Amino acid sequence: MPNIETLLTTIVQPLIKFPDQLEIQIEETDDFIEYHLHLNPEDIGRVIGRKGRVIRSIRTIIYSIRNASDKRTKIIVNDDKE
Protein backbone atom coordinates (compact mmCIF):
# COMPACT_ATOMS: atom_id res chain seq x y z
CA MET A 1 0.00 0.00 0.00
CA PRO A 2 1.46 3.38 -0.96
CA ASN A 3 2.08 5.90 1.78
CA ILE A 4 -0.42 8.59 0.85
CA GLU A 5 0.45 10.73 3.87
CA THR A 6 4.06 11.05 2.68
CA LEU A 7 2.92 11.90 -0.84
CA LEU A 8 0.55 14.58 0.46
CA THR A 9 3.33 16.07 2.56
CA THR A 10 5.68 16.07 -0.43
CA ILE A 11 3.11 17.84 -2.61
CA VAL A 12 1.78 20.38 -0.08
CA GLN A 13 4.93 21.51 1.80
CA PRO A 14 6.53 23.40 -1.12
CA LEU A 15 3.27 25.31 -1.68
CA ILE A 16 2.89 26.78 1.79
CA LYS A 17 4.64 29.50 3.82
CA PHE A 18 4.54 27.63 7.13
CA PRO A 19 5.45 24.00 6.33
CA ASP A 20 6.25 23.28 9.98
CA GLN A 21 2.57 23.86 10.86
CA LEU A 22 1.28 21.27 8.38
CA GLU A 23 -0.47 18.40 10.13
CA ILE A 24 -2.12 15.48 8.41
CA GLN A 25 -4.69 13.60 10.45
CA ILE A 26 -6.07 10.31 9.14
CA GLU A 27 -9.60 9.22 9.99
CA GLU A 28 -11.15 6.01 8.79
CA THR A 29 -14.92 5.67 8.37
CA ASP A 30 -17.01 2.85 6.92
CA ASP A 31 -16.72 4.17 3.35
CA PHE A 32 -13.72 6.52 3.32
CA ILE A 33 -10.17 7.06 4.46
CA GLU A 34 -10.11 10.79 5.19
CA TYR A 35 -6.92 12.86 5.20
CA HIS A 36 -7.47 16.11 7.10
CA LEU A 37 -4.91 18.80 6.28
CA HIS A 38 -4.51 21.21 9.19
CA LEU A 39 -2.82 24.39 7.96
CA ASN A 40 -1.99 27.89 9.04
CA PRO A 41 -4.90 30.15 7.96
CA GLU A 42 -2.53 32.08 5.64
CA ASP A 43 -1.71 28.87 3.73
CA ILE A 44 -5.25 27.75 2.99
CA GLY A 45 -5.55 29.94 -0.11
CA ARG A 46 -2.25 28.61 -1.42
CA VAL A 47 -3.41 25.00 -1.11
CA ILE A 48 -6.88 25.62 -2.53
CA GLY A 49 -5.70 27.91 -5.34
CA ARG A 50 -7.71 30.08 -7.68
CA LYS A 51 -11.13 28.55 -8.26
CA GLY A 52 -9.92 25.43 -6.44
CA ARG A 53 -7.47 24.40 -9.15
CA VAL A 54 -4.59 23.43 -6.87
CA ILE A 55 -6.63 21.28 -4.47
CA ARG A 56 -8.43 19.71 -7.43
CA SER A 57 -5.07 18.73 -8.94
CA ILE A 58 -3.85 17.31 -5.62
CA ARG A 59 -7.07 15.31 -5.25
CA THR A 60 -6.72 13.96 -8.79
CA ILE A 61 -3.26 12.63 -8.00
CA ILE A 62 -4.24 11.15 -4.64
CA TYR A 63 -7.52 9.64 -5.88
CA SER A 64 -5.68 7.85 -8.70
CA ILE A 65 -3.74 5.76 -6.17
CA ARG A 66 -5.33 2.43 -5.49
CA ASN A 67 -5.93 1.47 -1.85
CA ALA A 68 -5.54 -2.03 -0.50
CA SER A 69 -9.08 -1.77 0.88
CA ASP A 70 -12.25 -0.93 -0.99
CA LYS A 71 -12.53 2.40 0.81
CA ARG A 72 -12.35 5.63 -1.13
CA THR A 73 -9.95 8.44 -0.25
CA LYS A 74 -11.04 11.94 0.79
CA ILE A 75 -8.91 15.06 1.32
CA ILE A 76 -10.30 17.72 3.63
CA VAL A 77 -8.59 21.10 4.22
CA ASN A 78 -8.99 22.40 7.77
CA ASP A 79 -7.74 25.77 8.98
CA ASP A 80 -8.08 25.23 12.70
CA LYS A 81 -6.03 22.97 14.92
CA GLU A 82 -8.21 20.96 17.27
C-alpha atoms as a PDB file:
ATOM      1  CA  MET A   1       0.000   0.000   0.000  1.00  0.00           C
ATOM      2  CA  PRO A   2       1.465   3.376  -0.959  1.00  0.00           C
ATOM      3  CA  ASN A   3       2.084   5.901   1.778  1.00  0.00           C
ATOM      4  CA  ILE A   4      -0.423   8.589   0.848  1.00  0.00           C
ATOM      5  CA  GLU A   5       0.446  10.727   3.867  1.00  0.00           C
ATOM      6  CA  THR A   6       4.058  11.049   2.682  1.00  0.00           C
ATOM      7  CA  LEU A   7       2.916  11.896  -0.837  1.00  0.00           C
ATOM      8  CA  LEU A   8       0.546  14.579   0.462  1.00  0.00           C
ATOM      9  CA  THR A   9       3.333  16.075   2.560  1.00  0.00           C
ATOM     10  CA  THR A  10       5.680  16.068  -0.431  1.00  0.00           C
ATOM     11  CA  ILE A  11       3.109  17.839  -2.608  1.00  0.00           C
ATOM     12  CA  VAL A  12       1.782  20.383  -0.083  1.00  0.00           C
ATOM     13  CA  GLN A  13       4.925  21.508   1.796  1.00  0.00           C
ATOM     14  CA  PRO A  14       6.534  23.404  -1.124  1.00  0.00           C
ATOM     15  CA  LEU A  15       3.268  25.305  -1.676  1.00  0.00           C
ATOM     16  CA  ILE A  16       2.888  26.779   1.792  1.00  0.00           C
ATOM     17  CA  LYS A  17       4.645  29.498   3.816  1.00  0.00           C
ATOM     18  CA  PHE A  18       4.542  27.635   7.125  1.00  0.00           C
ATOM     19  CA  PRO A  19       5.446  24.002   6.329  1.00  0.00           C
ATOM     20  CA  ASP A  20       6.253  23.280   9.983  1.00  0.00           C
ATOM     21  CA  GLN A  21       2.575  23.856  10.857  1.00  0.00           C
ATOM     22  CA  LEU A  22       1.277  21.268   8.384  1.00  0.00           C
ATOM     23  CA  GLU A  23      -0.466  18.395  10.128  1.00  0.00           C
ATOM     24  CA  ILE A  24      -2.115  15.480   8.409  1.00  0.00           C
ATOM     25  CA  GLN A  25      -4.685  13.602  10.450  1.00  0.00           C
ATOM     26  CA  ILE A  26      -6.067  10.314   9.140  1.00  0.00           C
ATOM     27  CA  GLU A  27      -9.599   9.219   9.994  1.00  0.00           C
ATOM     28  CA  GLU A  28     -11.151   6.010   8.792  1.00  0.00           C
ATOM     29  CA  THR A  29     -14.916   5.670   8.370  1.00  0.00           C
ATOM     30  CA  ASP A  30     -17.013   2.855   6.918  1.00  0.00           C
ATOM     31  CA  ASP A  31     -16.722   4.167   3.348  1.00  0.00           C
ATOM     32  CA  PHE A  32     -13.724   6.520   3.317  1.00  0.00           C
ATOM     33  CA  ILE A  33     -10.174   7.063   4.461  1.00  0.00           C
ATOM     34  CA  GLU A  34     -10.106  10.791   5.186  1.00  0.00           C
ATOM     35  CA  TYR A  35      -6.923  12.862   5.197  1.00  0.00           C
ATOM     36  CA  HIS A  36      -7.467  16.111   7.097  1.00  0.00           C
ATOM     37  CA  LEU A  37      -4.912  18.797   6.281  1.00  0.00           C
ATOM     38  CA  HIS A  38      -4.508  21.209   9.191  1.00  0.00           C
ATOM     39  CA  LEU A  39      -2.819  24.385   7.955  1.00  0.00           C
ATOM     40  CA  ASN A  40      -1.992  27.889   9.037  1.00  0.00           C
ATOM     41  CA  PRO A  41      -4.897  30.154   7.961  1.00  0.00           C
ATOM     42  CA  GLU A  42      -2.533  32.077   5.644  1.00  0.00           C
ATOM     43  CA  ASP A  43      -1.711  28.872   3.735  1.00  0.00           C
ATOM     44  CA  ILE A  44      -5.254  27.750   2.992  1.00  0.00           C
ATOM     45  CA  GLY A  45      -5.547  29.935  -0.107  1.00  0.00           C
ATOM     46  CA  ARG A  46      -2.252  28.611  -1.419  1.00  0.00           C
ATOM     47  CA  VAL A  47      -3.408  24.998  -1.112  1.00  0.00           C
ATOM     48  CA  ILE A  48      -6.878  25.617  -2.531  1.00  0.00           C
ATOM     49  CA  GLY A  49      -5.695  27.907  -5.341  1.00  0.00           C
ATOM     50  CA  ARG A  50      -7.715  30.075  -7.676  1.00  0.00           C
ATOM     51  CA  LYS A  51     -11.125  28.551  -8.262  1.00  0.00           C
ATOM     52  CA  GLY A  52      -9.916  25.427  -6.440  1.00  0.00           C
ATOM     53  CA  ARG A  53      -7.473  24.402  -9.150  1.00  0.00           C
ATOM     54  CA  VAL A  54      -4.586  23.430  -6.869  1.00  0.00           C
ATOM     55  CA  ILE A  55      -6.629  21.277  -4.469  1.00  0.00           C
ATOM     56  CA  ARG A  56      -8.432  19.708  -7.429  1.00  0.00           C
ATOM     57  CA  SER A  57      -5.066  18.730  -8.943  1.00  0.00           C
ATOM     58  CA  ILE A  58      -3.855  17.313  -5.620  1.00  0.00           C
ATOM     59  CA  ARG A  59      -7.066  15.310  -5.254  1.00  0.00           C
ATOM     60  CA  THR A  60      -6.723  13.958  -8.793  1.00  0.00           C
ATOM     61  CA  ILE A  61      -3.260  12.633  -8.002  1.00  0.00           C
ATOM     62  CA  ILE A  62      -4.243  11.149  -4.643  1.00  0.00           C
ATOM     63  CA  TYR A  63      -7.516   9.637  -5.882  1.00  0.00           C
ATOM     64  CA  SER A  64      -5.682   7.852  -8.702  1.00  0.00           C
ATOM     65  CA  ILE A  65      -3.737   5.763  -6.172  1.00  0.00           C
ATOM     66  CA  ARG A  66      -5.329   2.426  -5.491  1.00  0.00           C
ATOM     67  CA  ASN A  67      -5.928   1.473  -1.851  1.00  0.00           C
ATOM     68  CA  ALA A  68      -5.544  -2.031  -0.503  1.00  0.00           C
ATOM     69  CA  SER A  69      -9.079  -1.772   0.878  1.00  0.00           C
ATOM     70  CA  ASP A  70     -12.255  -0.929  -0.990  1.00  0.00           C
ATOM     71  CA  LYS A  71     -12.528   2.400   0.808  1.00  0.00           C
ATOM     72  CA  ARG A  72     -12.347   5.631  -1.129  1.00  0.00           C
ATOM     73  CA  THR A  73      -9.955   8.439  -0.247  1.00  0.00           C
ATOM     74  CA  LYS A  74     -11.036  11.936   0.786  1.00  0.00           C
ATOM     75  CA  ILE A  75      -8.915  15.059   1.317  1.00  0.00           C
ATOM     76  CA  ILE A  76     -10.303  17.724   3.628  1.00  0.00           C
ATOM     77  CA  VAL A  77      -8.593  21.096   4.217  1.00  0.00           C
ATOM     78  CA  ASN A  78      -8.990  22.404   7.772  1.00  0.00           C
ATOM     79  CA  ASP A  79      -7.743  25.773   8.978  1.00  0.00           C
ATOM     80  CA  ASP A  80      -8.076  25.227  12.704  1.00  0.00           C
ATOM     81  CA  LYS A  81      -6.031  22.973  14.915  1.00  0.00           C
ATOM     82  CA  GLU A  82      -8.212  20.964  17.268  1.00  0.00           C
END
